[in-house]
Amino acid sequence: MARPRCSNAVFASFNVLTLLLGAAVLAWGILAGAPHHGGGGATDCQRFLRTPALILGTAVMVVSMAGIAGACCRASLLLWLYLFLAALLILAVLCFGVFAIAVTNAGAGQAVSGRGFKEYRLGDYSSWLRRRVENDRTWGRIRSCLAEAGVCGSLQSNRTFNEFVNDNLSPVQSGCCKPPTECNFAYLNETYWMKPSGPSNSSNPDCDTWSNDQSELCYACQSCKAGVLANLKNSWKKIAIINAAFIALLIVVYSLGCCVLRNNRRQKYTLVGK
């Protein structure tokens, strides 16, 4: 009789852990849309991530509560419901992981002679990602995020040209805060560049898109969109580890759920036999 109680307790404990994780994600999603203490609304970056957080947090909490209720009440129906919902959640997270790896697998920065940084081209990335960033509404949100983060303002430190070109710029800084090297612009400072006189020898459309307006810079450039995708690819390497750990946790809890259901049914049959 002790074995079923132990299994139920361990299973319930794991579900309490996943319930807390889901609650934390859900709380972040709710707070992301709440007004700030200063009276301002949520930032575009926070709104952009709010919906996935609300969906994931709610799904994890619903599945966890079904598991806790089934373990505490020893209700086979709730445990069957838990196993069904947990299987769907595991499948959804697994599919998301595989899909994200597939669409971020392509693309890499191009080394530039005499430069310490790389430059990025939109055509090097998957067509699915390109369509996302080329969508005006989506790019408008991403661009707003870049402005909020001040990614280009952080470069302004009055360095010499040699100091600047030997710096290890991030993909976003390389693509959004300066014109492409092939445009042959004259360096004034980190975010001010002078266009060469006469017609440009480059066919790169970013050469005409660049602006010294500090609110514009190269935020509308293809190189900026490519830099964002390169940054996304780098970030995914970290997210993939978290995603794999989360899937492993869900599989462990799912296995415990199967064990608990089997033990409860065995206990029920034993009591009926007596």
Protein backbone atom coordinates (compact mmCIF):
# COMPACT_ATOMS: atom_id res chain seq x y z
CA MET A 1 0.00 0.00 0.00
CA ALA A 2 2.94 2.33 0.56
CA ARG A 3 4.10 2.21 -3.03
CA PRO A 4 1.02 3.92 -4.54
CA ARG A 5 1.13 6.64 -1.88
CA CYS A 6 4.80 7.27 -2.60
CA SER A 7 4.21 7.40 -6.37
CA ASN A 8 1.31 9.79 -5.98
CA ALA A 9 3.34 12.07 -3.69
CA VAL A 10 6.33 12.20 -6.06
CA PHE A 11 4.07 12.74 -9.05
CA ALA A 12 2.17 15.54 -7.28
CA SER A 13 5.45 17.18 -6.22
CA PHE A 14 6.71 17.30 -9.80
CA ASN A 15 3.42 18.77 -10.95
CA VAL A 16 3.65 21.44 -8.26
CA LEU A 17 7.03 22.37 -9.76
CA THR A 18 5.63 22.60 -13.30
CA LEU A 19 2.61 24.52 -11.92
CA LEU A 20 4.94 27.13 -10.40
CA LEU A 21 6.90 27.38 -13.66
CA GLY A 22 3.67 27.87 -15.60
CA ALA A 23 2.45 30.45 -13.09
CA ALA A 24 5.71 32.39 -13.44
CA VAL A 25 5.42 32.47 -17.24
CA LEU A 26 1.73 33.46 -17.04
CA ALA A 27 2.48 36.21 -14.52
CA TRP A 28 5.17 37.64 -16.78
CA GLY A 29 2.71 37.64 -19.69
CA ILE A 30 0.11 39.48 -17.62
CA LEU A 31 2.60 42.02 -16.29
CA ALA A 32 3.94 42.59 -19.81
CA GLY A 33 0.62 44.18 -20.77
CA ALA A 34 0.10 46.12 -17.55
CA PRO A 35 0.79 49.89 -17.28
CA HIS A 36 4.14 50.86 -15.81
CA HIS A 37 4.40 52.56 -12.44
CA GLY A 38 5.24 55.79 -14.22
CA GLY A 39 1.94 55.64 -16.09
CA GLY A 40 3.34 54.43 -19.41
CA GLY A 41 2.01 51.42 -21.24
CA ALA A 42 3.79 48.19 -22.02
CA THR A 43 6.68 48.38 -24.48
CA ASP A 44 6.39 46.91 -27.97
CA CYS A 45 9.01 44.30 -27.09
CA GLN A 46 6.90 43.11 -24.18
CA ARG A 47 3.68 43.08 -26.21
CA PHE A 48 5.43 41.08 -28.93
CA LEU A 49 6.20 38.25 -26.45
CA ARG A 50 3.06 38.53 -24.32
CA THR A 51 0.71 36.23 -26.26
CA PRO A 52 3.09 33.21 -26.45
CA ALA A 53 3.79 33.60 -22.71
CA LEU A 54 0.08 33.66 -21.85
CA ILE A 55 -0.64 30.57 -23.96
CA LEU A 56 2.32 28.56 -22.67
CA GLY A 57 1.80 29.55 -19.03
CA THR A 58 -1.92 28.72 -19.13
CA ALA A 59 -1.34 25.37 -20.87
CA VAL A 60 1.31 24.27 -18.35
CA MET A 61 -0.85 25.31 -15.39
CA VAL A 62 -3.96 23.48 -16.69
CA VAL A 63 -1.98 20.29 -17.31
CA SER A 64 -0.27 20.51 -13.90
CA MET A 65 -3.53 21.10 -12.01
CA ALA A 66 -5.11 18.09 -13.72
CA GLY A 67 -2.13 16.01 -12.61
CA ILE A 68 -2.23 17.27 -9.02
CA ALA A 69 -5.99 16.68 -8.75
CA GLY A 70 -5.66 13.19 -10.21
CA ALA A 71 -2.84 12.30 -7.82
CA CYS A 72 -4.49 13.69 -4.69
CA CYS A 73 -7.95 12.27 -5.43
CA ARG A 74 -6.61 9.13 -7.08
CA ALA A 75 -9.10 9.76 -9.86
CA SER A 76 -8.28 7.70 -12.94
CA LEU A 77 -10.40 9.94 -15.16
CA LEU A 78 -8.36 13.02 -14.19
CA LEU A 79 -5.13 11.09 -14.68
CA TRP A 80 -6.24 10.01 -18.15
CA LEU A 81 -7.08 13.66 -18.90
CA TYR A 82 -3.66 14.68 -17.59
CA LEU A 83 -1.85 12.14 -19.76
CA PHE A 84 -3.78 13.27 -22.84
CA LEU A 85 -3.10 16.99 -22.24
CA ALA A 86 0.53 16.36 -21.27
CA ALA A 87 1.09 14.36 -24.46
CA LEU A 88 -0.29 17.24 -26.51
CA LEU A 89 1.92 19.72 -24.64
CA ILE A 90 5.05 17.61 -25.12
CA LEU A 91 4.25 17.19 -28.82
CA ALA A 92 3.65 20.94 -29.23
CA VAL A 93 6.90 21.92 -27.48
CA LEU A 94 8.84 19.27 -29.43
CA CYS A 95 7.40 20.42 -32.77
CA PHE A 96 8.23 24.02 -31.88
CA GLY A 97 11.82 23.05 -31.09
CA VAL A 98 12.28 21.12 -34.34
CA PHE A 99 10.65 23.89 -36.37
CA ALA A 100 12.77 26.61 -34.75
CA ILE A 101 15.97 24.68 -35.40
CA ALA A 102 14.95 24.11 -39.04
CA VAL A 103 14.18 27.74 -39.81
CA THR A 104 17.23 29.13 -38.00
CA ASN A 105 19.71 26.58 -39.33
CA ALA A 106 20.63 28.58 -42.44
CA GLY A 107 22.48 31.89 -42.46
CA ALA A 108 25.86 33.09 -41.27
CA GLY A 109 27.77 36.35 -41.12
CA GLN A 110 30.19 37.25 -43.89
CA ALA A 111 33.73 38.20 -42.90
CA VAL A 112 34.86 41.57 -44.29
CA SER A 113 38.49 42.23 -45.09
CA GLY A 114 40.10 44.60 -42.60
CA ARG A 115 37.11 44.55 -40.28
CA GLY A 116 36.73 43.01 -36.84
CA PHE A 117 33.01 42.46 -37.33
CA LYS A 118 30.90 40.47 -39.78
CA GLU A 119 28.16 41.70 -42.08
CA TYR A 120 24.88 39.96 -42.79
CA ARG A 121 22.71 39.45 -45.86
CA LEU A 122 19.00 38.77 -45.74
CA GLY A 123 19.13 36.31 -48.64
CA ASP A 124 21.27 33.90 -46.58
CA TYR A 125 18.37 33.03 -44.25
CA SER A 126 15.37 30.77 -44.70
CA SER A 127 12.48 32.06 -46.78
CA TRP A 128 10.07 31.66 -43.82
CA LEU A 129 12.14 33.97 -41.62
CA ARG A 130 12.63 36.44 -44.47
CA ARG A 131 8.87 36.69 -44.99
CA ARG A 132 8.39 37.38 -41.28
CA VAL A 133 10.83 40.30 -41.08
CA GLU A 134 9.78 41.68 -44.47
CA ASN A 135 6.21 41.97 -43.24
CA ASP A 136 5.70 45.68 -42.51
CA ARG A 137 3.70 45.13 -39.33
CA THR A 138 6.13 42.62 -37.86
CA TRP A 139 9.18 44.67 -38.78
CA GLY A 140 7.56 47.78 -37.31
CA ARG A 141 7.39 46.04 -33.94
CA ILE A 142 10.95 44.75 -34.16
CA ARG A 143 12.21 48.18 -35.19
CA SER A 144 10.44 49.72 -32.22
CA CYS A 145 12.16 47.17 -29.97
CA LEU A 146 15.56 48.12 -31.38
CA ALA A 147 14.88 51.80 -30.72
CA GLU A 148 13.74 51.06 -27.16
CA ALA A 149 16.86 49.01 -26.48
CA GLY A 150 19.16 51.79 -27.75
CA VAL A 151 21.39 49.35 -29.61
CA CYS A 152 22.93 52.09 -31.76
CA GLY A 153 23.14 54.75 -29.09
CA SER A 154 25.45 52.49 -27.09
CA LEU A 155 28.04 52.69 -29.89
CA GLN A 156 28.58 56.44 -29.61
CA SER A 157 31.90 56.78 -27.83
CA ASN A 158 33.85 58.98 -30.31
CA ARG A 159 36.27 56.27 -31.37
CA THR A 160 38.63 56.64 -34.30
CA PHE A 161 37.86 54.84 -37.54
CA ASN A 162 40.50 52.17 -36.88
CA GLU A 163 39.13 51.58 -33.39
CA PHE A 164 35.61 51.26 -34.75
CA VAL A 165 36.32 48.86 -37.63
CA ASN A 166 38.33 46.58 -35.33
CA ASP A 167 35.53 46.41 -32.79
CA ASN A 168 33.53 43.20 -32.41
CA LEU A 169 30.05 44.53 -33.20
CA SER A 170 26.97 42.44 -32.53
CA PRO A 171 24.94 41.30 -35.59
CA VAL A 172 22.27 43.93 -34.88
CA GLN A 173 24.84 46.72 -34.44
CA SER A 174 26.64 45.71 -37.62
CA GLY A 175 23.45 45.56 -39.68
CA CYS A 176 21.41 48.43 -38.22
CA CYS A 177 23.85 51.08 -36.94
CA LYS A 178 26.16 51.57 -39.91
CA PRO A 179 25.98 51.32 -43.71
CA PRO A 180 27.42 48.21 -45.41
CA THR A 181 31.15 48.40 -46.08
CA GLU A 182 30.63 48.06 -49.84
CA CYS A 183 28.83 51.44 -49.87
CA ASN A 184 32.21 53.16 -49.26
CA PHE A 185 30.79 55.84 -46.97
CA ALA A 186 33.20 58.17 -45.18
CA TYR A 187 33.37 57.68 -41.41
CA LEU A 188 32.45 60.70 -39.28
CA ASN A 189 31.62 58.83 -36.08
CA GLU A 190 29.99 55.54 -35.13
CA THR A 191 26.52 56.49 -36.38
CA TYR A 192 27.29 59.37 -38.77
CA TRP A 193 28.59 58.51 -42.25
CA MET A 194 29.01 60.66 -45.37
CA LYS A 195 27.81 59.34 -48.70
CA PRO A 196 30.39 59.49 -51.50
CA SER A 197 29.85 62.17 -54.13
CA GLY A 198 28.67 60.99 -57.51
CA PRO A 199 26.83 57.79 -58.42
CA SER A 200 27.37 54.76 -56.22
CA ASN A 201 29.29 51.81 -57.63
CA SER A 202 27.35 49.42 -55.40
CA SER A 203 24.06 47.77 -56.32
CA ASN A 204 23.22 47.26 -52.64
CA PRO A 205 19.90 49.07 -51.96
CA ASP A 206 20.99 49.69 -48.36
CA CYS A 207 23.40 52.36 -49.63
CA ASP A 208 20.43 54.54 -50.54
CA THR A 209 18.40 53.52 -47.49
CA TRP A 210 21.00 54.68 -44.94
CA SER A 211 20.18 57.92 -43.13
CA ASN A 212 22.15 60.01 -40.63
CA ASP A 213 18.87 60.74 -38.87
CA GLN A 214 19.51 58.97 -35.56
CA SER A 215 15.94 57.67 -35.47
CA GLU A 216 16.39 56.11 -38.94
CA LEU A 217 20.03 55.01 -39.47
CA CYS A 218 19.81 51.62 -41.23
CA TYR A 219 16.69 50.37 -39.43
CA ALA A 220 14.94 50.00 -42.80
CA CYS A 221 17.92 48.22 -44.40
CA GLN A 222 18.00 44.59 -45.46
CA SER A 223 21.25 44.27 -43.52
CA CYS A 224 19.42 45.30 -40.34
CA LYS A 225 16.78 42.62 -40.85
CA ALA A 226 19.55 40.09 -41.50
CA GLY A 227 21.32 41.20 -38.33
CA VAL A 228 18.14 40.62 -36.33
CA LEU A 229 17.85 37.12 -37.80
CA ALA A 230 21.51 36.42 -36.97
CA ASN A 231 20.87 37.55 -33.40
CA LEU A 232 17.78 35.30 -33.31
CA LYS A 233 19.90 32.36 -34.43
CA ASN A 234 22.46 33.03 -31.69
CA SER A 235 19.71 33.36 -29.09
CA TRP A 236 18.15 30.09 -30.18
CA LYS A 237 21.28 28.20 -29.15
CA LYS A 238 20.49 29.21 -25.57
CA ILE A 239 16.75 28.69 -25.94
CA ALA A 240 17.34 25.19 -27.36
CA ILE A 241 18.99 24.13 -24.08
CA ILE A 242 16.05 25.43 -22.04
CA ASN A 243 13.58 23.84 -24.47
CA ALA A 244 15.33 20.45 -24.23
CA ALA A 245 15.39 20.62 -20.42
CA PHE A 246 11.68 21.52 -20.35
CA ILE A 247 10.81 18.59 -22.65
CA ALA A 248 12.87 16.25 -20.45
CA LEU A 249 11.00 17.46 -17.34
CA LEU A 250 7.63 16.96 -19.06
CA ILE A 251 8.60 13.43 -20.13
CA VAL A 252 9.71 12.54 -16.59
CA VAL A 253 6.43 13.81 -15.12
CA TYR A 254 4.45 12.07 -17.88
CA SER A 255 6.20 8.79 -17.07
CA LEU A 256 5.38 9.25 -13.39
CA GLY A 257 1.77 9.87 -14.38
CA CYS A 258 1.65 6.56 -16.24
CA CYS A 259 3.12 4.83 -13.19
CA VAL A 260 0.62 6.46 -10.84
CA LEU A 261 -2.32 5.50 -13.06
CA ARG A 262 -1.13 1.90 -13.22
CA ASN A 263 -0.60 1.73 -9.45
CA ASN A 264 -4.00 3.27 -8.72
CA ARG A 265 -5.74 0.81 -11.00
CA ARG A 266 -3.81 -2.06 -9.44
CA GLN A 267 -4.78 -0.86 -5.97
CA LYS A 268 -8.43 -0.57 -7.04
CA TYR A 269 -8.47 -4.11 -8.38
CA THR A 270 -6.83 -5.38 -5.18
CA LEU A 271 -9.48 -3.72 -3.00
CA VAL A 272 -12.26 -5.09 -5.20
CA GLY A 273 -10.76 -8.56 -4.96
CA LYS A 274 -10.80 -8.37 -1.19
